[in-house]
PDB file of N, CA and C in Angstrom:
ATOM      1  N   MET A   1     -15.246 -34.921  41.493  1.00  0.00           N
ATOM      2  CA  MET A   1     -15.209 -33.530  41.102  1.00  0.00           C
ATOM      3  C   MET A   1     -16.236 -32.771  41.947  1.00  0.00           C
ATOM      4  N   THR A   2     -15.802 -31.650  42.480  1.00  0.00           N
ATOM      5  CA  THR A   2     -16.681 -30.851  43.318  1.00  0.00           C
ATOM      6  C   THR A   2     -17.535 -29.921  42.465  1.00  0.00           C
ATOM      7  N   ARG A   3     -18.526 -29.381  43.089  1.00  0.00           N
ATOM      8  CA  ARG A   3     -19.383 -28.428  42.381  1.00  0.00           C
ATOM      9  C   ARG A   3     -18.574 -27.218  41.931  1.00  0.00           C
ATOM     10  N   ARG A   4     -17.640 -26.803  42.759  1.00  0.00           N
ATOM     11  CA  ARG A   4     -16.778 -25.658  42.416  1.00  0.00           C
ATOM     12  C   ARG A   4     -15.969 -25.961  41.160  1.00  0.00           C
ATOM     13  N   ASP A   5     -15.414 -27.163  41.048  1.00  0.00           N
ATOM     14  CA  ASP A   5     -14.653 -27.557  39.860  1.00  0.00           C
ATOM     15  C   ASP A   5     -15.533 -27.525  38.619  1.00  0.00           C
ATOM     16  N   THR A   6     -16.755 -28.014  38.746  1.00  0.00           N
ATOM     17  CA  THR A   6     -17.682 -28.030  37.620  1.00  0.00           C
ATOM     18  C   THR A   6     -17.998 -26.607  37.174  1.00  0.00           C
ATOM     19  N   LEU A   7     -18.260 -25.705  38.123  1.00  0.00           N
ATOM     20  CA  LEU A   7     -18.541 -24.312  37.792  1.00  0.00           C
ATOM     21  C   LEU A   7     -17.347 -23.649  37.122  1.00  0.00           C
ATOM     22  N   LEU A   8     -16.159 -23.969  37.589  1.00  0.00           N
ATOM     23  CA  LEU A   8     -14.946 -23.408  36.997  1.00  0.00           C
ATOM     24  C   LEU A   8     -14.787 -23.854  35.544  1.00  0.00           C
ATOM     25  N   ILE A   9     -15.052 -25.105  35.281  1.00  0.00           N
ATOM     26  CA  ILE A   9     -14.949 -25.634  33.913  1.00  0.00           C
ATOM     27  C   ILE A   9     -15.987 -24.977  33.010  1.00  0.00           C
ATOM     28  N   VAL A  10     -17.218 -24.839  33.505  1.00  0.00           N
ATOM     29  CA  VAL A  10     -18.282 -24.212  32.717  1.00  0.00           C
ATOM     30  C   VAL A  10     -17.939 -22.745  32.447  1.00  0.00           C
ATOM     31  N   ALA A  11     -17.468 -22.028  33.450  1.00  0.00           N
ATOM     32  CA  ALA A  11     -17.120 -20.614  33.280  1.00  0.00           C
ATOM     33  C   ALA A  11     -15.978 -20.447  32.290  1.00  0.00           C
ATOM     34  N   THR A  12     -14.987 -21.311  32.354  1.00  0.00           N
ATOM     35  CA  THR A  12     -13.863 -21.255  31.419  1.00  0.00           C
ATOM     36  C   THR A  12     -14.349 -21.469  29.984  1.00  0.00           C
ATOM     37  N   GLY A  13     -15.232 -22.425  29.793  1.00  0.00           N
ATOM     38  CA  GLY A  13     -15.786 -22.672  28.465  1.00  0.00           C
ATOM     39  C   GLY A  13     -16.593 -21.501  27.959  1.00  0.00           C
ATOM     40  N   ALA A  14     -17.363 -20.871  28.827  1.00  0.00           N
ATOM     41  CA  ALA A  14     -18.163 -19.715  28.437  1.00  0.00           C
ATOM     42  C   ALA A  14     -17.278 -18.545  28.029  1.00  0.00           C
ATOM     43  N   LEU A  15     -16.225 -18.309  28.790  1.00  0.00           N
ATOM     44  CA  LEU A  15     -15.304 -17.228  28.444  1.00  0.00           C
ATOM     45  C   LEU A  15     -14.586 -17.502  27.142  1.00  0.00           C
ATOM     46  N   ALA A  16     -14.237 -18.728  26.880  1.00  0.00           N
ATOM     47  CA  ALA A  16     -13.579 -19.076  25.621  1.00  0.00           C
ATOM     48  C   ALA A  16     -14.511 -18.805  24.447  1.00  0.00           C
ATOM     49  N   GLY A  17     -15.786 -19.038  24.624  1.00  0.00           N
ATOM     50  CA  GLY A  17     -16.759 -18.775  23.569  1.00  0.00           C
ATOM     51  C   GLY A  17     -16.947 -17.298  23.304  1.00  0.00           C
ATOM     52  N   CYS A  18     -16.602 -16.450  24.277  1.00  0.00           N
ATOM     53  CA  CYS A  18     -16.732 -15.001  24.117  1.00  0.00           C
ATOM     54  C   CYS A  18     -15.485 -14.366  23.523  1.00  0.00           C
ATOM     55  N   ALA A  19     -14.458 -15.138  23.324  1.00  0.00           N
ATOM     56  CA  ALA A  19     -13.206 -14.588  22.792  1.00  0.00           C
ATOM     57  C   ALA A  19     -13.443 -13.958  21.428  1.00  0.00           C
ATOM     58  N   LYS A  20     -12.687 -12.920  21.125  1.00  0.00           N
ATOM     59  CA  LYS A  20     -12.822 -12.227  19.844  1.00  0.00           C
ATOM     60  C   LYS A  20     -12.529 -13.193  18.702  1.00  0.00           C
ATOM     61  N   LYS A  21     -13.426 -13.215  17.737  1.00  0.00           N
ATOM     62  CA  LYS A  21     -13.216 -14.070  16.573  1.00  0.00           C
ATOM     63  C   LYS A  21     -12.122 -13.477  15.702  1.00  0.00           C
ATOM     64  N   THR A  22     -11.375 -14.333  15.059  1.00  0.00           N
ATOM     65  CA  THR A  22     -10.320 -13.882  14.179  1.00  0.00           C
ATOM     66  C   THR A  22     -10.926 -13.207  12.962  1.00  0.00           C
ATOM     67  N   GLU A  23     -10.448 -12.010  12.662  1.00  0.00           N
ATOM     68  CA  GLU A  23     -10.925 -11.284  11.497  1.00  0.00           C
ATOM     69  C   GLU A  23     -10.326 -11.889  10.242  1.00  0.00           C
ATOM     70  N   GLY A  24     -10.853 -11.475   9.114  1.00  0.00           N
ATOM     71  CA  GLY A  24     -10.381 -11.976   7.835  1.00  0.00           C
ATOM     72  C   GLY A  24      -9.079 -11.329   7.411  1.00  0.00           C
ATOM     73  N   LYS A  25      -8.818 -11.390   6.144  1.00  0.00           N
ATOM     74  CA  LYS A  25      -7.598 -10.838   5.566  1.00  0.00           C
ATOM     75  C   LYS A  25      -7.682  -9.313   5.551  1.00  0.00           C
ATOM     76  N   THR A  26      -6.560  -8.658   5.788  1.00  0.00           N
ATOM     77  CA  THR A  26      -6.538  -7.198   5.787  1.00  0.00           C
ATOM     78  C   THR A  26      -5.694  -6.675   4.632  1.00  0.00           C
ATOM     79  N   TYR A  27      -6.100  -5.513   4.136  1.00  0.00           N
ATOM     80  CA  TYR A  27      -5.408  -4.850   3.038  1.00  0.00           C
ATOM     81  C   TYR A  27      -5.280  -3.368   3.348  1.00  0.00           C
ATOM     82  N   ALA A  28      -4.176  -2.770   2.936  1.00  0.00           N
ATOM     83  CA  ALA A  28      -4.029  -1.321   3.021  1.00  0.00           C
ATOM     84  C   ALA A  28      -4.851  -0.696   1.900  1.00  0.00           C
ATOM     85  N   MET A  29      -5.471   0.433   2.198  1.00  0.00           N
ATOM     86  CA  MET A  29      -6.311   1.125   1.223  1.00  0.00           C
ATOM     87  C   MET A  29      -6.000   2.615   1.260  1.00  0.00           C
ATOM     88  N   ASP A  30      -5.799   3.210   0.092  1.00  0.00           N
ATOM     89  CA  ASP A  30      -5.662   4.656  -0.046  1.00  0.00           C
ATOM     90  C   ASP A  30      -6.769   5.118  -0.971  1.00  0.00           C
ATOM     91  N   GLY A  31      -7.438   6.207  -0.589  1.00  0.00           N
ATOM     92  CA  GLY A  31      -8.533   6.656  -1.426  1.00  0.00           C
ATOM     93  C   GLY A  31      -9.015   8.036  -1.063  1.00  0.00           C
ATOM     94  N   GLU A  32     -10.142   8.405  -1.677  1.00  0.00           N
ATOM     95  CA  GLU A  32     -10.768   9.699  -1.451  1.00  0.00           C
ATOM     96  C   GLU A  32     -12.243   9.487  -1.157  1.00  0.00           C
ATOM     97  N   ILE A  33     -12.747  10.175  -0.135  1.00  0.00           N
ATOM     98  CA  ILE A  33     -14.155  10.080   0.234  1.00  0.00           C
ATOM     99  C   ILE A  33     -14.979  10.872  -0.780  1.00  0.00           C
ATOM    100  N   LYS A  34     -15.892  10.189  -1.450  1.00  0.00           N
ATOM    101  CA  LYS A  34     -16.744  10.816  -2.464  1.00  0.00           C
ATOM    102  C   LYS A  34     -18.142  11.115  -1.930  1.00  0.00           C
ATOM    103  N   ALA A  35     -18.631  10.315  -0.964  1.00  0.00           N
ATOM    104  CA  ALA A  35     -19.950  10.530  -0.360  1.00  0.00           C
ATOM    105  C   ALA A  35     -19.982   9.838   0.991  1.00  0.00           C
ATOM    106  N   LEU A  36     -20.867  10.318   1.867  1.00  0.00           N
ATOM    107  CA  LEU A  36     -21.041   9.734   3.195  1.00  0.00           C
ATOM    108  C   LEU A  36     -22.526   9.473   3.437  1.00  0.00           C
ATOM    109  N   ASP A  37     -22.839   8.350   4.053  1.00  0.00           N
ATOM    110  CA  ASP A  37     -24.221   7.999   4.363  1.00  0.00           C
ATOM    111  C   ASP A  37     -24.351   7.806   5.874  1.00  0.00           C
ATOM    112  N   PRO A  38     -24.908   8.806   6.581  1.00  0.00           N
ATOM    113  CA  PRO A  38     -24.999   8.704   8.036  1.00  0.00           C
ATOM    114  C   PRO A  38     -25.940   7.598   8.514  1.00  0.00           C
ATOM    115  N   SER A  39     -26.915   7.208   7.714  1.00  0.00           N
ATOM    116  CA  SER A  39     -27.863   6.183   8.151  1.00  0.00           C
ATOM    117  C   SER A  39     -27.225   4.801   8.231  1.00  0.00           C
ATOM    118  N   THR A  40     -26.198   4.558   7.428  1.00  0.00           N
ATOM    119  CA  THR A  40     -25.527   3.250   7.438  1.00  0.00           C
ATOM    120  C   THR A  40     -24.082   3.333   7.903  1.00  0.00           C
ATOM    121  N   LYS A  41     -23.621   4.527   8.261  1.00  0.00           N
ATOM    122  CA  LYS A  41     -22.223   4.757   8.661  1.00  0.00           C
ATOM    123  C   LYS A  41     -21.285   4.179   7.601  1.00  0.00           C
ATOM    124  N   SER A  42     -21.563   4.541   6.338  1.00  0.00           N
ATOM    125  CA  SER A  42     -20.740   4.057   5.234  1.00  0.00           C
ATOM    126  C   SER A  42     -20.244   5.236   4.411  1.00  0.00           C
ATOM    127  N   ALA A  43     -19.209   4.958   3.631  1.00  0.00           N
ATOM    128  CA  ALA A  43     -18.607   5.980   2.786  1.00  0.00           C
ATOM    129  C   ALA A  43     -18.402   5.419   1.388  1.00  0.00           C
ATOM    130  N   THR A  44     -18.659   6.254   0.389  1.00  0.00           N
ATOM    131  CA  THR A  44     -18.296   5.909  -0.973  1.00  0.00           C
ATOM    132  C   THR A  44     -16.866   6.378  -1.147  1.00  0.00           C
ATOM    133  N   ILE A  45     -15.984   5.433  -1.486  1.00  0.00           N
ATOM    134  CA  ILE A  45     -14.552   5.718  -1.554  1.00  0.00           C
ATOM    135  C   ILE A  45     -14.032   5.384  -2.943  1.00  0.00           C
ATOM    136  N   ARG A  46     -13.340   6.362  -3.550  1.00  0.00           N
ATOM    137  CA  ARG A  46     -12.610   6.096  -4.795  1.00  0.00           C
ATOM    138  C   ARG A  46     -11.210   5.690  -4.361  1.00  0.00           C
ATOM    139  N   HIS A  47     -10.806   4.478  -4.738  1.00  0.00           N
ATOM    140  CA  HIS A  47      -9.525   3.955  -4.257  1.00  0.00           C
ATOM    141  C   HIS A  47      -8.726   3.336  -5.392  1.00  0.00           C
ATOM    142  N   GLY A  48      -7.442   3.190  -5.139  1.00  0.00           N
ATOM    143  CA  GLY A  48      -6.569   2.488  -6.062  1.00  0.00           C
ATOM    144  C   GLY A  48      -6.731   0.986  -5.884  1.00  0.00           C
ATOM    145  N   LYS A  49      -5.904   0.231  -6.576  1.00  0.00           N
ATOM    146  CA  LYS A  49      -5.928  -1.226  -6.463  1.00  0.00           C
ATOM    147  C   LYS A  49      -5.700  -1.630  -5.014  1.00  0.00           C
ATOM    148  N   ILE A  50      -6.459  -2.628  -4.570  1.00  0.00           N
ATOM    149  CA  ILE A  50      -6.346  -3.118  -3.200  1.00  0.00           C
ATOM    150  C   ILE A  50      -5.771  -4.531  -3.255  1.00  0.00           C
ATOM    151  N   GLY A  51      -4.466  -4.614  -3.049  1.00  0.00           N
ATOM    152  CA  GLY A  51      -3.776  -5.906  -3.031  1.00  0.00           C
ATOM    153  C   GLY A  51      -4.196  -6.804  -4.174  1.00  0.00           C
ATOM    154  N   ASP A  52      -4.428  -8.075  -3.858  1.00  0.00           N
ATOM    155  CA  ASP A  52      -4.884  -9.033  -4.863  1.00  0.00           C
ATOM    156  C   ASP A  52      -6.400  -9.211  -4.801  1.00  0.00           C
ATOM    157  N   TRP A  53      -7.093  -8.290  -4.099  1.00  0.00           N
ATOM    158  CA  TRP A  53      -8.525  -8.438  -3.880  1.00  0.00           C
ATOM    159  C   TRP A  53      -9.383  -7.664  -4.862  1.00  0.00           C
ATOM    160  N   MET A  54      -8.961  -6.441  -5.240  1.00  0.00           N
ATOM    161  CA  MET A  54      -9.823  -5.605  -6.061  1.00  0.00           C
ATOM    162  C   MET A  54      -9.014  -4.593  -6.863  1.00  0.00           C
ATOM    163  N   GLU A  55      -9.459  -4.362  -8.079  1.00  0.00           N
ATOM    164  CA  GLU A  55      -8.861  -3.323  -8.920  1.00  0.00           C
ATOM    165  C   GLU A  55      -9.331  -1.948  -8.438  1.00  0.00           C
ATOM    166  N   ALA A  56      -8.720  -0.899  -8.951  1.00  0.00           N
ATOM    167  CA  ALA A  56      -9.112   0.466  -8.610  1.00  0.00           C
ATOM    168  C   ALA A  56     -10.558   0.709  -9.043  1.00  0.00           C
ATOM    169  N   MET A  57     -11.341   1.346  -8.173  1.00  0.00           N
ATOM    170  CA  MET A  57     -12.737   1.671  -8.488  1.00  0.00           C
ATOM    171  C   MET A  57     -13.315   2.566  -7.411  1.00  0.00           C
ATOM    172  N   THR A  58     -14.577   2.911  -7.554  1.00  0.00           N
ATOM    173  CA  THR A  58     -15.301   3.678  -6.546  1.00  0.00           C
ATOM    174  C   THR A  58     -16.469   2.831  -6.073  1.00  0.00           C
ATOM    175  N   MET A  59     -16.560   2.617  -4.756  1.00  0.00           N
ATOM    176  CA  MET A  59     -17.683   1.851  -4.212  1.00  0.00           C
ATOM    177  C   MET A  59     -17.927   2.208  -2.761  1.00  0.00           C
ATOM    178  N   GLU A  60     -19.054   1.757  -2.238  1.00  0.00           N
ATOM    179  CA  GLU A  60     -19.447   2.059  -0.868  1.00  0.00           C
ATOM    180  C   GLU A  60     -18.889   1.010   0.099  1.00  0.00           C
ATOM    181  N   TYR A  61     -18.386   1.494   1.238  1.00  0.00           N
ATOM    182  CA  TYR A  61     -17.828   0.627   2.277  1.00  0.00           C
ATOM    183  C   TYR A  61     -18.416   1.010   3.621  1.00  0.00           C
ATOM    184  N   ARG A  62     -18.757   0.027   4.408  1.00  0.00           N
ATOM    185  CA  ARG A  62     -19.181   0.236   5.798  1.00  0.00           C
ATOM    186  C   ARG A  62     -17.929   0.539   6.606  1.00  0.00           C
ATOM    187  N   LEU A  63     -18.044   1.446   7.565  1.00  0.00           N
ATOM    188  CA  LEU A  63     -16.932   1.807   8.440  1.00  0.00           C
ATOM    189  C   LEU A  63     -17.182   1.232   9.829  1.00  0.00           C
ATOM    190  N   LYS A  64     -16.170   0.641  10.435  1.00  0.00           N
ATOM    191  CA  LYS A  64     -16.264   0.092  11.787  1.00  0.00           C
ATOM    192  C   LYS A  64     -15.030   0.489  12.571  1.00  0.00           C
ATOM    193  N   PRO A  65     -15.171   0.836  13.813  1.00  0.00           N
ATOM    194  CA  PRO A  65     -16.404   1.124  14.519  1.00  0.00           C
ATOM    195  C   PRO A  65     -17.021   2.426  14.016  1.00  0.00           C
ATOM    196  N   ASP A  66     -18.214   2.755  14.506  1.00  0.00           N
ATOM    197  CA  ASP A  66     -18.918   3.955  14.039  1.00  0.00           C
ATOM    198  C   ASP A  66     -18.091   5.219  14.211  1.00  0.00           C
ATOM    199  N   SER A  67     -17.193   5.234  15.185  1.00  0.00           N
ATOM    200  CA  SER A  67     -16.366   6.424  15.426  1.00  0.00           C
ATOM    201  C   SER A  67     -15.476   6.748  14.224  1.00  0.00           C
ATOM    202  N   GLU A  68     -15.146   5.758  13.405  1.00  0.00           N
ATOM    203  CA  GLU A  68     -14.349   6.008  12.196  1.00  0.00           C
ATOM    204  C   GLU A  68     -15.121   6.922  11.238  1.00  0.00           C
ATOM    205  N   TYR A  69     -16.426   6.752  11.181  1.00  0.00           N
ATOM    206  CA  TYR A  69     -17.274   7.555  10.297  1.00  0.00           C
ATOM    207  C   TYR A  69     -17.248   9.023  10.712  1.00  0.00           C
ATOM    208  N   GLN A  70     -17.245   9.271  12.004  1.00  0.00           N
ATOM    209  CA  GLN A  70     -17.371  10.625  12.545  1.00  0.00           C
ATOM    210  C   GLN A  70     -16.229  11.555  12.123  1.00  0.00           C
ATOM    211  N   LYS A  71     -15.067  11.026  11.814  1.00  0.00           N
ATOM    212  CA  LYS A  71     -13.924  11.888  11.505  1.00  0.00           C
ATOM    213  C   LYS A  71     -13.801  12.234  10.026  1.00  0.00           C
ATOM    214  N   LEU A  72     -14.750  11.811   9.195  1.00  0.00           N
ATOM    215  CA  LEU A  72     -14.631  11.989   7.745  1.00  0.00           C
ATOM    216  C   LEU A  72     -15.547  13.069   7.200  1.00  0.00           C
ATOM    217  N   LYS A  73     -15.088  13.676   6.091  1.00  0.00           N
ATOM    218  CA  LYS A  73     -15.931  14.575   5.314  1.00  0.00           C
ATOM    219  C   LYS A  73     -15.644  14.327   3.846  1.00  0.00           C
ATOM    220  N   VAL A  74     -16.603  14.657   3.006  1.00  0.00           N
ATOM    221  CA  VAL A  74     -16.437  14.458   1.567  1.00  0.00           C
ATOM    222  C   VAL A  74     -15.214  15.244   1.102  1.00  0.00           C
ATOM    223  N   GLY A  75     -14.402  14.597   0.281  1.00  0.00           N
ATOM    224  CA  GLY A  75     -13.181  15.210  -0.233  1.00  0.00           C
ATOM    225  C   GLY A  75     -11.923  14.791   0.510  1.00  0.00           C
ATOM    226  N   ASP A  76     -12.078  14.211   1.705  1.00  0.00           N
ATOM    227  CA  ASP A  76     -10.916  13.758   2.463  1.00  0.00           C
ATOM    228  C   ASP A  76     -10.173  12.667   1.704  1.00  0.00           C
ATOM    229  N   LYS A  77      -8.857  12.763   1.731  1.00  0.00           N
ATOM    230  CA  LYS A  77      -8.011  11.678   1.241  1.00  0.00           C
ATOM    231  C   LYS A  77      -7.656  10.844   2.470  1.00  0.00           C
ATOM    232  N   ILE A  78      -7.712   9.524   2.319  1.00  0.00           N
ATOM    233  CA  ILE A  78      -7.529   8.656   3.480  1.00  0.00           C
ATOM    234  C   ILE A  78      -6.541   7.520   3.212  1.00  0.00           C
ATOM    235  N   HIS A  79      -6.019   7.014   4.297  1.00  0.00           N
ATOM    236  CA  HIS A  79      -5.309   5.732   4.323  1.00  0.00           C
ATOM    237  C   HIS A  79      -6.070   4.916   5.357  1.00  0.00           C
ATOM    238  N   ALA A  80      -6.388   3.662   5.044  1.00  0.00           N
ATOM    239  CA  ALA A  80      -7.201   2.848   5.945  1.00  0.00           C
ATOM    240  C   ALA A  80      -6.858   1.379   5.786  1.00  0.00           C
ATOM    241  N   THR A  81      -7.495   0.568   6.601  1.00  0.00           N
ATOM    242  CA  THR A  81      -7.377  -0.882   6.501  1.00  0.00           C
ATOM    243  C   THR A  81      -8.714  -1.444   6.063  1.00  0.00           C
ATOM    244  N   LEU A  82      -8.693  -2.273   5.041  1.00  0.00           N
ATOM    245  CA  LEU A  82      -9.879  -2.978   4.580  1.00  0.00           C
ATOM    246  C   LEU A  82      -9.812  -4.395   5.132  1.00  0.00           C
ATOM    247  N   VAL A  83     -10.877  -4.835   5.798  1.00  0.00           N
ATOM    248  CA  VAL A  83     -10.953  -6.186   6.338  1.00  0.00           C
ATOM    249  C   VAL A  83     -11.955  -6.977   5.499  1.00  0.00           C
ATOM    250  N   VAL A  84     -11.498  -8.099   4.933  1.00  0.00           N
ATOM    251  CA  VAL A  84     -12.358  -8.974   4.137  1.00  0.00           C
ATOM    252  C   VAL A  84     -12.471 -10.295   4.877  1.00  0.00           C
ATOM    253  N   ASN A  85     -13.698 -10.628   5.297  1.00  0.00           N
ATOM    254  CA  ASN A  85     -13.945 -11.849   6.065  1.00  0.00           C
ATOM    255  C   ASN A  85     -14.169 -13.047   5.157  1.00  0.00           C
ATOM    256  N   SER A  86     -14.089 -14.222   5.720  1.00  0.00           N
ATOM    257  CA  SER A  86     -14.236 -15.456   4.949  1.00  0.00           C
ATOM    258  C   SER A  86     -15.630 -15.610   4.340  1.00  0.00           C
ATOM    259  N   ASP A  87     -16.627 -14.904   4.895  1.00  0.00           N
ATOM    260  CA  ASP A  87     -17.978 -14.963   4.333  1.00  0.00           C
ATOM    261  C   ASP A  87     -18.196 -13.893   3.265  1.00  0.00           C
ATOM    262  N   ASP A  88     -17.110 -13.274   2.790  1.00  0.00           N
ATOM    263  CA  ASP A  88     -17.109 -12.224   1.765  1.00  0.00           C
ATOM    264  C   ASP A  88     -17.675 -10.897   2.242  1.00  0.00           C
ATOM    265  N   SER A  89     -17.967 -10.757   3.529  1.00  0.00           N
ATOM    266  CA  SER A  89     -18.325  -9.441   4.046  1.00  0.00           C
ATOM    267  C   SER A  89     -17.031  -8.640   4.209  1.00  0.00           C
ATOM    268  N   TYR A  90     -17.158  -7.328   4.212  1.00  0.00           N
ATOM    269  CA  TYR A  90     -15.966  -6.490   4.314  1.00  0.00           C
ATOM    270  C   TYR A  90     -16.333  -5.162   4.953  1.00  0.00           C
ATOM    271  N   TYR A  91     -15.321  -4.496   5.505  1.00  0.00           N
ATOM    272  CA  TYR A  91     -15.507  -3.169   6.074  1.00  0.00           C
ATOM    273  C   TYR A  91     -14.158  -2.470   6.144  1.00  0.00           C
ATOM    274  N   VAL A  92     -14.215  -1.155   6.359  1.00  0.00           N
ATOM    275  CA  VAL A  92     -13.017  -0.322   6.460  1.00  0.00           C
ATOM    276  C   VAL A  92     -12.865   0.121   7.909  1.00  0.00           C
ATOM    277  N   THR A  93     -11.621   0.100   8.391  1.00  0.00           N
ATOM    278  CA  THR A  93     -11.322   0.527   9.757  1.00  0.00           C
ATOM    279  C   THR A  93      -9.958   1.212   9.787  1.00  0.00           C
ATOM    280  N   ASP A  94      -9.559   1.692  10.948  1.00  0.00           N
ATOM    281  CA  ASP A  94      -8.243   2.344  11.139  1.00  0.00           C
ATOM    282  C   ASP A  94      -8.006   3.443  10.114  1.00  0.00           C
ATOM    283  N   VAL A  95      -8.974   4.329   9.966  1.00  0.00           N
ATOM    284  CA  VAL A  95      -8.914   5.383   8.960  1.00  0.00           C
ATOM    285  C   VAL A  95      -8.045   6.547   9.456  1.00  0.00           C
ATOM    286  N   THR A  96      -7.138   6.996   8.585  1.00  0.00           N
ATOM    287  CA  THR A  96      -6.349   8.202   8.839  1.00  0.00           C
ATOM    288  C   THR A  96      -6.584   9.168   7.684  1.00  0.00           C
ATOM    289  N   VAL A  97      -6.979  10.392   8.004  1.00  0.00           N
ATOM    290  CA  VAL A  97      -7.144  11.419   6.988  1.00  0.00           C
ATOM    291  C   VAL A  97      -5.763  11.963   6.662  1.00  0.00           C
ATOM    292  N   THR A  98      -5.409  11.963   5.374  1.00  0.00           N
ATOM    293  CA  THR A  98      -4.044  12.312   4.962  1.00  0.00           C
ATOM    294  C   THR A  98      -3.924  13.672   4.269  1.00  0.00           C
ATOM    295  N   ASN A  99      -5.031  14.373   4.012  1.00  0.00           N
ATOM    296  CA  ASN A  99      -4.907  15.670   3.302  1.00  0.00           C
ATOM    297  C   ASN A  99      -4.751  16.819   4.218  1.00  0.00           C
TER     298      ASN A  99
END
């Protein structure tokens, strides 16, 4: 094996390690923005039942990426995707303002 072959194998392994990790389970979410926290880029959302994961309630959710936060204001009605990871962390993304 040549040095070039070894470098190619190492580079391939490094790139594979940088691949995007698979996200957790996703759920559709409909709700209303009740409060916004610019320091944490999170929103308090009153929402209906979310699949088999959660009953209807009001709670705070982190928004990812940060640009999702920028398009919201209190009172907005939204449709979004909730991502729940295997480590029980969760966040909201793909937000569309529907009002």
